[in-house]
Amino acid sequence: QVQLVESGGGLVQPGGSLRLSCVASGFTSEHYAIGWFRQAQGKQREGVACVLMSYGTTFYADSVKGRFTISRDKSKNTAYLQMNALKPDDPAIYSCATLSGVSALLRLPSPNEYDRWGQGTQVTVST
């Protein structure tokens, strides 16, 4: 059974950094992708970034390009989201999700394409 556990959220000042982790247990194949999403209160869920676990191919939303970096450690079934230069409009609940059975991606997948979701971790940006 696939389970996802996020960690690394917290409170940071504007301009600061955080690194989120998503551990995906239960996978027996490397052919899957992990995506990060965020949902601020009163707003729709937004795809932030995605990494293909087999080859490390990455995709980003325009709103985070140049500030966020997604990476993965295949041996640990873990994806990381390094968030730098955090802004006041970045706060949200950040969740990870997996897209199973994929060995190639051509774009950032939409939320409804993912099949497993984690519980999320809160990111707050404030002075």
C-alpha atoms as a PDB file:
ATOM      1  CA  GLN A   1       0.000   0.000   0.000  1.00  0.00           C
ATOM      2  CA  VAL A   2       1.372   3.372  -1.037  1.00  0.00           C
ATOM      3  CA  GLN A   3       1.630   5.987   1.670  1.00  0.00           C
ATOM      4  CA  LEU A   4       2.937   9.524   1.452  1.00  0.00           C
ATOM      5  CA  VAL A   5       4.328  11.503   4.342  1.00  0.00           C
ATOM      6  CA  GLU A   6       5.327  15.140   4.046  1.00  0.00           C
ATOM      7  CA  SER A   7       7.561  17.045   6.419  1.00  0.00           C
ATOM      8  CA  GLY A   8       9.523  20.264   6.611  1.00  0.00           C
ATOM      9  CA  GLY A   9       6.838  22.917   6.763  1.00  0.00           C
ATOM     10  CA  GLY A  10       6.936  25.751   9.226  1.00  0.00           C
ATOM     11  CA  LEU A  11       7.191  29.479   9.740  1.00  0.00           C
ATOM     12  CA  VAL A  12       9.743  31.499   7.832  1.00  0.00           C
ATOM     13  CA  GLN A  13      10.342  35.193   7.223  1.00  0.00           C
ATOM     14  CA  PRO A  14       9.890  36.701   3.759  1.00  0.00           C
ATOM     15  CA  GLY A  15      12.962  35.950   1.691  1.00  0.00           C
ATOM     16  CA  GLY A  16      13.715  32.865   3.740  1.00  0.00           C
ATOM     17  CA  SER A  17      13.966  29.214   2.742  1.00  0.00           C
ATOM     18  CA  LEU A  18      12.399  25.905   3.618  1.00  0.00           C
ATOM     19  CA  ARG A  19      12.910  22.380   2.367  1.00  0.00           C
ATOM     20  CA  LEU A  20       9.971  20.015   2.214  1.00  0.00           C
ATOM     21  CA  SER A  21      10.299  16.257   2.028  1.00  0.00           C
ATOM     22  CA  CYS A  22       7.869  13.669   0.715  1.00  0.00           C
ATOM     23  CA  VAL A  23       8.497  10.016   1.447  1.00  0.00           C
ATOM     24  CA  ALA A  24       6.528   7.648  -0.739  1.00  0.00           C
ATOM     25  CA  SER A  25       6.494   4.177   0.773  1.00  0.00           C
ATOM     26  CA  GLY A  26       5.089   1.081  -0.870  1.00  0.00           C
ATOM     27  CA  PHE A  27       6.422   1.544  -4.390  1.00  0.00           C
ATOM     28  CA  THR A  28       8.110  -1.451  -5.996  1.00  0.00           C
ATOM     29  CA  SER A  29       8.903   0.293  -9.275  1.00  0.00           C
ATOM     30  CA  GLU A  30      10.758   3.533 -10.055  1.00  0.00           C
ATOM     31  CA  HIS A  31       8.252   4.422 -12.775  1.00  0.00           C
ATOM     32  CA  TYR A  32       6.237   7.028 -10.996  1.00  0.00           C
ATOM     33  CA  ALA A  33       6.280  10.753 -10.435  1.00  0.00           C
ATOM     34  CA  ILE A  34       5.935  12.865  -7.324  1.00  0.00           C
ATOM     35  CA  GLY A  35       4.325  16.250  -7.518  1.00  0.00           C
ATOM     36  CA  TRP A  36       4.060  19.080  -5.047  1.00  0.00           C
ATOM     37  CA  PHE A  37       0.916  21.151  -4.750  1.00  0.00           C
ATOM     38  CA  ARG A  38      -0.221  23.989  -2.578  1.00  0.00           C
ATOM     39  CA  GLN A  39      -3.568  25.295  -1.533  1.00  0.00           C
ATOM     40  CA  ALA A  40      -4.006  28.577   0.226  1.00  0.00           C
ATOM     41  CA  GLN A  41      -7.156  29.313   2.165  1.00  0.00           C
ATOM     42  CA  GLY A  42      -9.961  30.247  -0.187  1.00  0.00           C
ATOM     43  CA  LYS A  43      -7.963  29.410  -3.299  1.00  0.00           C
ATOM     44  CA  GLN A  44      -7.788  26.512  -5.702  1.00  0.00           C
ATOM     45  CA  ARG A  45      -5.128  23.870  -5.445  1.00  0.00           C
ATOM     46  CA  GLU A  46      -2.094  24.786  -7.534  1.00  0.00           C
ATOM     47  CA  GLY A  47       0.499  22.456  -8.967  1.00  0.00           C
ATOM     48  CA  VAL A  48       3.952  23.664  -8.006  1.00  0.00           C
ATOM     49  CA  ALA A  49       6.467  21.149  -9.307  1.00  0.00           C
ATOM     50  CA  CYS A  50       6.868  17.544 -10.362  1.00  0.00           C
ATOM     51  CA  VAL A  51       9.750  15.104 -10.639  1.00  0.00           C
ATOM     52  CA  LEU A  52       9.901  11.834 -12.539  1.00  0.00           C
ATOM     53  CA  MET A  53      11.502   9.428 -10.095  1.00  0.00           C
ATOM     54  CA  SER A  54      13.193   7.227 -12.719  1.00  0.00           C
ATOM     55  CA  TYR A  55      15.050   9.881 -14.730  1.00  0.00           C
ATOM     56  CA  GLY A  56      14.772  12.972 -12.551  1.00  0.00           C
ATOM     57  CA  THR A  57      12.921  15.020 -15.167  1.00  0.00           C
ATOM     58  CA  THR A  58      11.394  18.080 -13.543  1.00  0.00           C
ATOM     59  CA  PHE A  59       8.603  20.553 -14.290  1.00  0.00           C
ATOM     60  CA  TYR A  60       7.627  23.766 -12.529  1.00  0.00           C
ATOM     61  CA  ALA A  61       4.754  26.181 -12.382  1.00  0.00           C
ATOM     62  CA  ASP A  62       5.680  29.621 -13.697  1.00  0.00           C
ATOM     63  CA  SER A  63       4.934  31.139 -10.301  1.00  0.00           C
ATOM     64  CA  VAL A  64       7.852  29.302  -8.664  1.00  0.00           C
ATOM     65  CA  LYS A  65      10.428  28.965 -11.444  1.00  0.00           C
ATOM     66  CA  GLY A  66      13.802  30.207 -10.321  1.00  0.00           C
ATOM     67  CA  ARG A  67      12.860  30.048  -6.634  1.00  0.00           C
ATOM     68  CA  PHE A  68      11.791  26.454  -5.999  1.00  0.00           C
ATOM     69  CA  THR A  69      13.762  23.337  -6.860  1.00  0.00           C
ATOM     70  CA  ILE A  70      12.383  19.821  -6.825  1.00  0.00           C
ATOM     71  CA  SER A  71      14.733  16.879  -6.520  1.00  0.00           C
ATOM     72  CA  ARG A  72      14.544  13.221  -5.659  1.00  0.00           C
ATOM     73  CA  ASP A  73      16.441  10.405  -3.996  1.00  0.00           C
ATOM     74  CA  LYS A  74      15.378   7.186  -5.689  1.00  0.00           C
ATOM     75  CA  SER A  75      16.960   4.997  -3.048  1.00  0.00           C
ATOM     76  CA  LYS A  76      14.771   6.604  -0.392  1.00  0.00           C
ATOM     77  CA  ASN A  77      11.613   7.022  -2.511  1.00  0.00           C
ATOM     78  CA  THR A  78      11.757  10.646  -1.473  1.00  0.00           C
ATOM     79  CA  ALA A  79      11.189  13.919  -3.266  1.00  0.00           C
ATOM     80  CA  TYR A  80      12.325  17.261  -1.927  1.00  0.00           C
ATOM     81  CA  LEU A  81      11.076  20.762  -2.590  1.00  0.00           C
ATOM     82  CA  GLN A  82      13.646  23.425  -1.834  1.00  0.00           C
ATOM     83  CA  MET A  83      11.862  26.740  -1.530  1.00  0.00           C
ATOM     84  CA  ASN A  84      13.969  29.900  -1.594  1.00  0.00           C
ATOM     85  CA  ALA A  85      13.089  33.589  -1.594  1.00  0.00           C
ATOM     86  CA  LEU A  86       9.707  32.862  -0.062  1.00  0.00           C
ATOM     87  CA  LYS A  87       7.118  35.544  -0.617  1.00  0.00           C
ATOM     88  CA  PRO A  88       3.997  36.616   1.269  1.00  0.00           C
ATOM     89  CA  ASP A  89       1.844  34.891  -1.376  1.00  0.00           C
ATOM     90  CA  ASP A  90       3.582  31.512  -0.936  1.00  0.00           C
ATOM     91  CA  PRO A  91       1.918  30.452   2.332  1.00  0.00           C
ATOM     92  CA  ALA A  92      -0.347  27.436   1.941  1.00  0.00           C
ATOM     93  CA  ILE A  93      -0.740  23.822   2.807  1.00  0.00           C
ATOM     94  CA  TYR A  94       1.792  22.025   0.663  1.00  0.00           C
ATOM     95  CA  SER A  95       0.978  18.454  -0.286  1.00  0.00           C
ATOM     96  CA  CYS A  96       2.707  15.825  -2.320  1.00  0.00           C
ATOM     97  CA  ALA A  97       1.090  13.279  -4.575  1.00  0.00           C
ATOM     98  CA  THR A  98       2.163  10.389  -6.747  1.00  0.00           C
ATOM     99  CA  LEU A  99       1.404   9.585 -10.357  1.00  0.00           C
ATOM    100  CA  SER A 100       1.931   5.866 -10.795  1.00  0.00           C
ATOM    101  CA  GLY A 101       3.076   3.905 -13.810  1.00  0.00           C
ATOM    102  CA  VAL A 102       4.817   6.684 -15.739  1.00  0.00           C
ATOM    103  CA  SER A 103       8.277   6.563 -17.301  1.00  0.00           C
ATOM    104  CA  ALA A 104       8.052   9.841 -19.205  1.00  0.00           C
ATOM    105  CA  LEU A 105       6.425  13.221 -18.749  1.00  0.00           C
ATOM    106  CA  LEU A 106       6.078  16.099 -21.169  1.00  0.00           C
ATOM    107  CA  ARG A 107       4.473  18.668 -18.900  1.00  0.00           C
ATOM    108  CA  LEU A 108       3.456  19.431 -15.346  1.00  0.00           C
ATOM    109  CA  PRO A 109       0.533  17.067 -14.659  1.00  0.00           C
ATOM    110  CA  SER A 110      -2.774  18.436 -13.427  1.00  0.00           C
ATOM    111  CA  PRO A 111      -3.967  17.524  -9.930  1.00  0.00           C
ATOM    112  CA  ASN A 112      -6.629  15.081 -11.127  1.00  0.00           C
ATOM    113  CA  GLU A 113      -3.966  12.923 -12.789  1.00  0.00           C
ATOM    114  CA  TYR A 114      -2.408  11.936  -9.471  1.00  0.00           C
ATOM    115  CA  ASP A 115      -3.581   8.856  -7.622  1.00  0.00           C
ATOM    116  CA  ARG A 116      -2.230   9.139  -4.071  1.00  0.00           C
ATOM    117  CA  TRP A 117      -2.038  12.151  -1.801  1.00  0.00           C
ATOM    118  CA  GLY A 118      -0.320  13.014   1.408  1.00  0.00           C
ATOM    119  CA  GLN A 119      -1.854  14.926   4.306  1.00  0.00           C
ATOM    120  CA  GLY A 120       0.053  18.118   3.682  1.00  0.00           C
ATOM    121  CA  THR A 121       2.325  20.396   5.660  1.00  0.00           C
ATOM    122  CA  GLN A 122       1.717  24.035   6.493  1.00  0.00           C
ATOM    123  CA  VAL A 123       4.053  26.724   5.197  1.00  0.00           C
ATOM    124  CA  THR A 124       3.708  30.183   6.694  1.00  0.00           C
ATOM    125  CA  VAL A 125       5.619  33.260   5.578  1.00  0.00           C
ATOM    126  CA  SER A 126       5.473  36.107   8.036  1.00  0.00           C
ATOM    127  CA  THR A 127       7.557  38.645   9.890  1.00  0.00           C
END
